[in-house]
Protein backbone atom coordinates (compact mmCIF):
# COMPACT_ATOMS: atom_id res chain seq x y z
CA MET A 1 0.00 0.00 0.00
CA ARG A 2 1.31 3.42 -0.95
CA PRO A 3 1.69 5.90 1.96
CA LEU A 4 -0.53 8.98 2.01
CA LEU A 5 1.11 12.23 1.06
CA PRO A 6 1.89 14.48 4.01
CA LEU A 7 -0.43 17.48 4.43
CA THR A 8 2.46 19.83 3.75
CA CYS A 9 3.10 18.32 0.33
CA THR A 10 2.65 20.92 -2.40
CA ARG A 11 0.48 20.35 -5.42
CA ARG A 12 3.54 20.53 -7.65
CA ARG A 13 5.30 17.80 -5.70
CA TRP A 14 2.16 15.69 -5.78
CA LEU A 15 1.95 16.09 -9.55
CA GLN A 16 5.60 15.13 -9.80
CA SER A 17 5.02 11.94 -7.85
CA ALA A 18 4.43 8.77 -9.82
CA LEU A 19 0.76 8.67 -8.88
CA GLY A 20 0.28 12.36 -9.59
CA ALA A 21 2.07 12.14 -12.90
CA GLY A 22 -0.12 9.23 -13.93
CA ILE A 23 -3.31 11.13 -13.10
CA ALA A 24 -2.03 14.32 -14.73
CA LEU A 25 -1.25 12.39 -17.93
CA ALA A 26 -4.67 10.75 -17.88
CA LEU A 27 -6.45 14.09 -17.36
CA ALA A 28 -4.35 16.14 -19.80
CA PRO A 29 -6.57 15.58 -22.89
CA ALA A 30 -9.73 16.47 -20.95
CA LEU A 31 -8.10 19.59 -19.47
CA ARG A 32 -6.88 20.67 -22.90
CA ALA A 33 -10.34 20.13 -24.41
CA ALA A 34 -11.93 22.17 -21.60
CA ASP A 35 -9.47 25.02 -22.23
CA GLU A 36 -10.14 24.92 -25.97
CA ALA A 37 -13.91 24.88 -25.43
CA ALA A 38 -13.85 27.92 -23.13
CA PRO A 39 -15.30 30.87 -25.03
CA GLU A 40 -12.95 33.72 -25.78
CA GLU A 41 -13.75 36.87 -23.85
CA ARG A 42 -13.51 40.12 -25.78
CA TRP A 43 -13.30 43.36 -23.85
CA LEU A 44 -12.82 47.04 -24.54
CA GLU A 45 -12.09 50.12 -22.52
CA LEU A 46 -13.60 53.18 -24.18
CA THR A 47 -13.02 56.74 -22.95
CA SER A 48 -14.88 59.70 -24.41
CA ILE A 49 -12.48 62.63 -24.83
CA HIS A 50 -15.45 65.00 -24.46
CA SER A 51 -17.16 63.70 -21.32
CA ARG A 52 -14.06 62.00 -19.85
CA LYS A 53 -16.29 59.04 -18.97
CA THR A 54 -14.86 55.55 -19.34
CA VAL A 55 -16.58 52.21 -19.81
CA ARG A 56 -14.61 49.00 -19.54
CA ALA A 57 -16.54 45.81 -20.22
CA VAL A 58 -16.42 42.30 -21.60
CA TYR A 59 -18.79 42.74 -24.52
CA ARG A 60 -18.58 39.25 -26.03
CA ARG A 61 -18.01 35.69 -24.83
CA GLY A 62 -17.52 33.29 -27.70
CA ALA A 63 -20.22 34.15 -30.25
CA ASP A 64 -22.53 35.77 -27.68
CA TYR A 65 -22.63 39.53 -27.23
CA ASP A 66 -23.37 40.85 -23.74
CA ALA A 67 -26.46 43.07 -23.88
CA GLY A 68 -25.49 45.00 -20.74
CA ALA A 69 -22.03 45.83 -22.09
CA LEU A 70 -23.47 46.89 -25.45
CA GLN A 71 -25.93 49.16 -23.62
CA SER A 72 -23.10 50.73 -21.58
CA PHE A 73 -21.08 51.36 -24.73
CA ARG A 74 -24.17 52.74 -26.51
CA ASP A 75 -24.74 55.25 -23.72
CA LEU A 76 -21.10 56.37 -23.80
CA LEU A 77 -21.05 56.70 -27.60
CA ARG A 78 -24.10 58.97 -27.78
CA ASP A 79 -24.20 62.12 -29.92
CA ARG A 80 -22.26 64.58 -27.79
CA ARG A 81 -24.04 67.57 -29.30
CA ASN A 82 -27.63 66.67 -28.37
CA GLY A 83 -27.43 63.49 -26.27
CA ALA A 84 -29.23 61.28 -28.80
CA VAL A 85 -28.42 57.57 -28.59
CA HIS A 86 -28.43 54.85 -31.22
CA ASP A 87 -27.49 51.18 -31.36
CA ILE A 88 -23.88 50.66 -32.40
CA ASP A 89 -22.93 47.86 -34.79
CA PRO A 90 -21.23 45.15 -32.64
CA LEU A 91 -18.87 44.43 -35.54
CA LEU A 92 -17.34 47.83 -34.83
CA TYR A 93 -16.38 46.61 -31.34
CA ASP A 94 -14.89 43.48 -32.90
CA GLN A 95 -12.78 45.67 -35.20
CA LEU A 96 -11.48 47.62 -32.20
CA PHE A 97 -10.67 44.46 -30.27
CA ASP A 98 -8.93 42.85 -33.26
CA LEU A 99 -6.86 45.96 -33.99
CA ALA A 100 -5.64 46.19 -30.39
CA ARG A 101 -4.75 42.50 -30.50
CA ALA A 102 -2.87 43.02 -33.79
CA ALA A 103 -0.99 45.93 -32.19
CA GLY A 104 -0.16 43.76 -29.18
CA VAL A 105 -1.62 46.21 -26.66
CA PRO A 106 -4.66 46.33 -24.37
CA ALA A 107 -7.85 47.57 -26.04
CA HIS A 108 -7.88 51.03 -24.42
CA TYR A 109 -9.43 53.51 -26.85
CA GLU A 110 -10.07 57.24 -26.77
CA ILE A 111 -13.30 58.09 -28.59
CA ILE A 112 -13.39 61.30 -30.58
CA SER A 113 -16.77 60.70 -32.25
CA ALA A 114 -19.20 57.82 -32.60
CA TYR A 115 -22.95 58.11 -33.13
CA ARG A 116 -24.15 61.30 -34.79
CA SER A 117 -27.79 62.24 -35.15
CA GLN A 118 -29.07 63.50 -38.50
CA GLU A 119 -29.26 66.99 -36.98
CA SER A 120 -25.62 66.99 -35.84
CA ASN A 121 -24.37 65.48 -39.06
CA ASP A 122 -26.27 68.05 -41.14
CA LYS A 123 -24.69 70.92 -39.17
CA MET A 124 -21.22 69.44 -39.52
CA SER A 125 -21.50 68.61 -43.22
CA ALA A 126 -22.87 72.10 -44.02
CA LYS A 127 -19.56 73.71 -43.03
CA PRO A 128 -17.37 74.29 -46.12
CA GLY A 129 -14.34 72.04 -46.16
CA SER A 130 -15.54 69.97 -43.18
CA GLY A 131 -15.04 66.67 -44.99
CA VAL A 132 -18.14 65.29 -43.25
CA SER A 133 -20.26 63.08 -45.50
CA LYS A 134 -23.96 63.88 -45.78
CA LYS A 135 -24.58 60.11 -45.61
CA SER A 136 -22.07 59.35 -42.86
CA LEU A 137 -22.12 55.88 -41.33
CA HIS A 138 -21.84 57.66 -37.97
CA MET A 139 -25.61 58.27 -38.31
CA GLN A 140 -26.24 54.52 -38.49
CA GLY A 141 -24.02 53.62 -35.53
CA ARG A 142 -21.56 52.01 -37.92
CA ALA A 143 -18.59 54.40 -37.59
CA ILE A 144 -16.25 55.59 -34.88
CA ASP A 145 -13.28 57.98 -34.70
CA VAL A 146 -10.60 56.75 -32.30
CA ARG A 147 -7.11 56.69 -30.93
CA LEU A 148 -5.58 53.54 -29.44
CA ARG A 149 -3.54 54.40 -26.38
CA THR A 150 0.20 53.71 -26.69
CA VAL A 151 -0.11 53.22 -30.47
CA SER A 152 0.42 55.97 -33.02
CA THR A 153 -2.55 56.77 -35.21
CA ALA A 154 -0.35 56.05 -38.25
CA LYS A 155 0.23 52.49 -36.97
CA LEU A 156 -3.44 52.07 -36.12
CA ARG A 157 -4.30 53.19 -39.67
CA ASP A 158 -1.84 50.69 -41.13
CA LEU A 159 -3.29 47.84 -39.06
CA ALA A 160 -6.83 48.80 -40.09
CA LEU A 161 -5.84 48.98 -43.76
CA ALA A 162 -4.25 45.54 -43.52
CA ALA A 163 -7.41 44.11 -41.90
CA LYS A 164 -9.68 45.44 -44.71
CA LYS A 165 -12.80 45.17 -42.55
CA GLY A 166 -14.42 48.48 -43.48
CA GLY A 167 -13.68 52.11 -44.21
CA VAL A 168 -10.47 53.62 -42.85
CA GLY A 169 -9.94 57.37 -42.74
CA TYR A 170 -6.71 58.86 -41.46
CA TYR A 171 -6.82 62.35 -39.96
CA GLU A 172 -3.18 63.09 -39.19
CA ARG A 173 -3.60 66.75 -38.14
CA SER A 174 -6.48 65.91 -35.79
CA ASP A 175 -4.67 62.71 -34.70
CA PHE A 176 -7.40 60.09 -35.08
CA VAL A 177 -8.50 57.21 -37.27
CA HIS A 178 -12.02 56.76 -38.58
CA LEU A 179 -13.21 53.13 -38.68
CA ASP A 180 -16.52 51.85 -40.00
CA THR A 181 -18.30 48.65 -40.95
CA GLY A 182 -19.07 49.69 -44.52
CA ARG A 183 -17.28 48.39 -47.58
CA PHE A 184 -13.50 48.60 -47.56
CA ARG A 185 -12.21 52.00 -48.69
CA LYS A 186 -9.56 54.44 -47.51
CA TRP A 187 -9.00 58.17 -47.43
CA ILE A 188 -6.94 60.90 -45.81
CA GLY A 189 -8.79 63.73 -44.11
C-alpha cells in the first residue's frame, strides 16, 4: 500500500510523484479540451475625450454579445451635441478588439466621435471644407473615430488597412483614425 502524502506536500510535488504524474497524464486531454472549449472573452475600454467618462466591459463571450455591455457602450457613444443615442454595430467593437490585438496592446481607446444624429451630421457637413459626408455611417451607428492608447494613429491606420474590414480614414492633423463597418475603402482627411 502506498503511503498517504503528508499534508504539507505541495500540489507541484504531488503532480511530480508517480501517482500524480499518472493522473495528470490521464487528465491532460480532458483539461486541454476544456481550455479549448472555453469561449474567448472580448473586452474594450472606451473613454470619451469629451465627457471624460470611461466604460470597460467584456462585450462578447464566444459568439454571444453581452447586452449590458453593449448598452453601456451605446450610452457612452451617444451624440455629444444633443445626447441622442443609437445602437452601435457590434462588428465595430470586434474591429477595435482585433486591432488592439494586432498591435499587441490592451484595447484602451479614446473616442473622438461615434454616433451622430441626422441633426448633428447636417450641421457638420454644411460647413465648407468639413469633410463630413452627408450620408455618414456615424448616423447609423456604424462608424467611430478613435485613438488607441500607446499606439500611433499612423500604426493604427496601417493595421486597419491591412485588416480590410471596413472604411479607414486617417486624420493626421487631428490625430485620429475613422473606422466603420461599410465596404473597404480608404482616405486621408
